[in-house]
């Protein structure tokens, strides 16, 4: 009698994405959003960069996640410049939305 149990094999996220078309699309969107943020990072004042994260892409609308109202107000002024830069670099971005991340209280 064989008492050796077979452990389930582990799969990397990359392998799982390859096996699932919807997960592959999601992975691609996350990658593209991060690439967009890198492409406009130089336009964001260095002190504000930690406050901005790449958010979801919905068609031609891209969302930036911002850590505070104050940072959002400053970033909002840069949206036209960011959008023009992305368009010059080949991304179709009709609009950029800002979403303020609210820290959860524990």
C-alpha atoms as a PDB file:
ATOM      1  CA  UNK A   1       0.000   0.000   0.000  1.00  0.00           C
ATOM      2  CA  UNK A   2       1.415   3.357  -1.046  1.00  0.00           C
ATOM      3  CA  UNK A   3       1.113   5.946   1.704  1.00  0.00           C
ATOM      4  CA  UNK A   4       2.767   8.756  -0.231  1.00  0.00           C
ATOM      5  CA  UNK A   5       0.300  11.487  -0.925  1.00  0.00           C
ATOM      6  CA  UNK A   6       0.854  13.525  -3.997  1.00  0.00           C
ATOM      7  CA  UNK A   7       1.041  17.232  -3.295  1.00  0.00           C
ATOM      8  CA  UNK A   8      -0.793  19.486  -5.713  1.00  0.00           C
ATOM      9  CA  UNK A   9       1.613  21.185  -8.070  1.00  0.00           C
ATOM     10  CA  UNK A  10       2.041  24.906  -7.657  1.00  0.00           C
ATOM     11  CA  UNK A  11       1.473  27.244 -10.548  1.00  0.00           C
ATOM     12  CA  UNK A  12       3.003  30.661 -11.043  1.00  0.00           C
ATOM     13  CA  UNK A  13       0.751  33.626 -11.796  1.00  0.00           C
ATOM     14  CA  UNK A  14       2.281  33.763 -15.268  1.00  0.00           C
ATOM     15  CA  UNK A  15       1.370  30.099 -15.900  1.00  0.00           C
ATOM     16  CA  UNK A  16      -2.151  30.598 -14.558  1.00  0.00           C
ATOM     17  CA  UNK A  17      -2.618  33.663 -16.759  1.00  0.00           C
ATOM     18  CA  UNK A  18      -1.549  31.624 -19.765  1.00  0.00           C
ATOM     19  CA  UNK A  19      -4.189  29.015 -18.958  1.00  0.00           C
ATOM     20  CA  UNK A  20      -6.996  31.534 -18.449  1.00  0.00           C
ATOM     21  CA  UNK A  21      -7.844  34.099 -21.138  1.00  0.00           C
ATOM     22  CA  UNK A  22      -9.634  36.406 -18.674  1.00  0.00           C
ATOM     23  CA  UNK A  23      -6.731  36.284 -16.210  1.00  0.00           C
ATOM     24  CA  UNK A  24      -4.327  36.921 -19.100  1.00  0.00           C
ATOM     25  CA  UNK A  25      -6.295  40.054 -20.087  1.00  0.00           C
ATOM     26  CA  UNK A  26      -6.310  41.265 -16.484  1.00  0.00           C
ATOM     27  CA  UNK A  27      -2.555  40.692 -16.185  1.00  0.00           C
ATOM     28  CA  UNK A  28      -1.999  42.627 -19.417  1.00  0.00           C
ATOM     29  CA  UNK A  29      -4.134  45.544 -18.179  1.00  0.00           C
ATOM     30  CA  UNK A  30      -2.222  45.709 -14.904  1.00  0.00           C
ATOM     31  CA  UNK A  31       1.071  45.685 -16.811  1.00  0.00           C
ATOM     32  CA  UNK A  32      -0.135  48.392 -19.216  1.00  0.00           C
ATOM     33  CA  UNK A  33      -1.376  50.580 -16.369  1.00  0.00           C
ATOM     34  CA  UNK A  34       2.022  50.334 -14.666  1.00  0.00           C
ATOM     35  CA  UNK A  35       3.758  51.173 -17.956  1.00  0.00           C
ATOM     36  CA  UNK A  36       1.560  54.244 -18.387  1.00  0.00           C
ATOM     37  CA  UNK A  37       2.457  55.459 -14.917  1.00  0.00           C
ATOM     38  CA  UNK A  38       6.167  54.980 -15.641  1.00  0.00           C
ATOM     39  CA  UNK A  39       5.717  56.919 -18.892  1.00  0.00           C
ATOM     40  CA  UNK A  40       4.357  59.994 -17.078  1.00  0.00           C
ATOM     41  CA  UNK A  41       6.260  59.667 -13.808  1.00  0.00           C
ATOM     42  CA  UNK A  42       8.651  62.483 -14.740  1.00  0.00           C
ATOM     43  CA  UNK A  43       5.660  64.859 -14.977  1.00  0.00           C
ATOM     44  CA  UNK A  44       4.715  64.201 -11.346  1.00  0.00           C
ATOM     45  CA  UNK A  45       6.672  66.225  -8.776  1.00  0.00           C
ATOM     46  CA  UNK A  46       9.035  63.868  -6.953  1.00  0.00           C
ATOM     47  CA  UNK A  47       7.387  64.546  -3.592  1.00  0.00           C
ATOM     48  CA  UNK A  48       4.015  63.424  -4.958  1.00  0.00           C
ATOM     49  CA  UNK A  49       5.166  60.266  -6.737  1.00  0.00           C
ATOM     50  CA  UNK A  50       4.712  57.977  -3.698  1.00  0.00           C
ATOM     51  CA  UNK A  51       1.101  59.245  -3.416  1.00  0.00           C
ATOM     52  CA  UNK A  52       0.162  58.048  -6.921  1.00  0.00           C
ATOM     53  CA  UNK A  53      -0.470  54.442  -7.977  1.00  0.00           C
ATOM     54  CA  UNK A  54      -1.520  52.983 -11.314  1.00  0.00           C
ATOM     55  CA  UNK A  55      -5.203  52.136 -11.374  1.00  0.00           C
ATOM     56  CA  UNK A  56      -7.615  50.327 -13.669  1.00  0.00           C
ATOM     57  CA  UNK A  57      -8.004  50.906 -17.394  1.00  0.00           C
ATOM     58  CA  UNK A  58     -11.558  50.997 -18.713  1.00  0.00           C
ATOM     59  CA  UNK A  59     -11.539  51.426 -22.477  1.00  0.00           C
ATOM     60  CA  UNK A  60      -9.939  54.806 -23.155  1.00  0.00           C
ATOM     61  CA  UNK A  61     -10.309  55.949 -19.532  1.00  0.00           C
ATOM     62  CA  UNK A  62      -7.426  55.410 -17.147  1.00  0.00           C
ATOM     63  CA  UNK A  63      -7.660  55.793 -13.395  1.00  0.00           C
ATOM     64  CA  UNK A  64      -4.894  56.952 -11.090  1.00  0.00           C
ATOM     65  CA  UNK A  65      -5.171  56.053  -7.413  1.00  0.00           C
ATOM     66  CA  UNK A  66      -4.137  58.920  -5.155  1.00  0.00           C
ATOM     67  CA  UNK A  67      -3.498  58.763  -1.422  1.00  0.00           C
ATOM     68  CA  UNK A  68      -5.068  62.076  -0.333  1.00  0.00           C
ATOM     69  CA  UNK A  69      -7.314  64.986  -1.286  1.00  0.00           C
ATOM     70  CA  UNK A  70      -4.337  67.353  -1.300  1.00  0.00           C
ATOM     71  CA  UNK A  71      -2.332  65.133  -3.654  1.00  0.00           C
ATOM     72  CA  UNK A  72      -5.400  64.710  -5.852  1.00  0.00           C
ATOM     73  CA  UNK A  73      -5.824  68.490  -6.181  1.00  0.00           C
ATOM     74  CA  UNK A  74      -2.213  68.872  -7.302  1.00  0.00           C
ATOM     75  CA  UNK A  75      -2.316  65.887  -9.674  1.00  0.00           C
ATOM     76  CA  UNK A  76      -5.606  67.108 -11.194  1.00  0.00           C
ATOM     77  CA  UNK A  77      -3.758  70.172 -12.518  1.00  0.00           C
ATOM     78  CA  UNK A  78      -1.336  67.868 -14.384  1.00  0.00           C
ATOM     79  CA  UNK A  79      -3.974  65.736 -16.118  1.00  0.00           C
ATOM     80  CA  UNK A  80      -3.950  67.621 -19.463  1.00  0.00           C
ATOM     81  CA  UNK A  81      -0.150  67.386 -19.613  1.00  0.00           C
ATOM     82  CA  UNK A  82      -0.216  63.679 -18.672  1.00  0.00           C
ATOM     83  CA  UNK A  83      -2.892  62.904 -21.240  1.00  0.00           C
ATOM     84  CA  UNK A  84      -1.021  64.725 -24.021  1.00  0.00           C
ATOM     85  CA  UNK A  85       2.188  62.882 -23.131  1.00  0.00           C
ATOM     86  CA  UNK A  86       0.457  59.490 -23.205  1.00  0.00           C
ATOM     87  CA  UNK A  87      -1.168  60.257 -26.550  1.00  0.00           C
ATOM     88  CA  UNK A  88       2.225  61.251 -28.012  1.00  0.00           C
ATOM     89  CA  UNK A  89       3.597  57.918 -26.781  1.00  0.00           C
ATOM     90  CA  UNK A  90       0.847  55.974 -28.553  1.00  0.00           C
ATOM     91  CA  UNK A  91      -1.663  55.251 -25.795  1.00  0.00           C
ATOM     92  CA  UNK A  92      -5.303  56.042 -26.504  1.00  0.00           C
ATOM     93  CA  UNK A  93      -6.332  57.865 -23.352  1.00  0.00           C
ATOM     94  CA  UNK A  94      -9.489  59.928 -23.738  1.00  0.00           C
ATOM     95  CA  UNK A  95      -9.589  60.777 -20.028  1.00  0.00           C
ATOM     96  CA  UNK A  96      -7.739  60.262 -16.773  1.00  0.00           C
ATOM     97  CA  UNK A  97      -9.785  59.863 -13.593  1.00  0.00           C
ATOM     98  CA  UNK A  98      -8.451  60.256 -10.082  1.00  0.00           C
ATOM     99  CA  UNK A  99      -9.652  58.094  -7.221  1.00  0.00           C
ATOM    100  CA  UNK A 100      -8.685  58.901  -3.675  1.00  0.00           C
ATOM    101  CA  UNK A 101      -7.732  55.890  -1.615  1.00  0.00           C
ATOM    102  CA  UNK A 102      -9.164  56.086   1.871  1.00  0.00           C
ATOM    103  CA  UNK A 103      -7.069  54.325   4.488  1.00  0.00           C
ATOM    104  CA  UNK A 104      -9.099  51.820   6.484  1.00  0.00           C
ATOM    105  CA  UNK A 105      -9.194  52.458  10.198  1.00  0.00           C
ATOM    106  CA  UNK A 106      -8.353  49.519  12.355  1.00  0.00           C
END
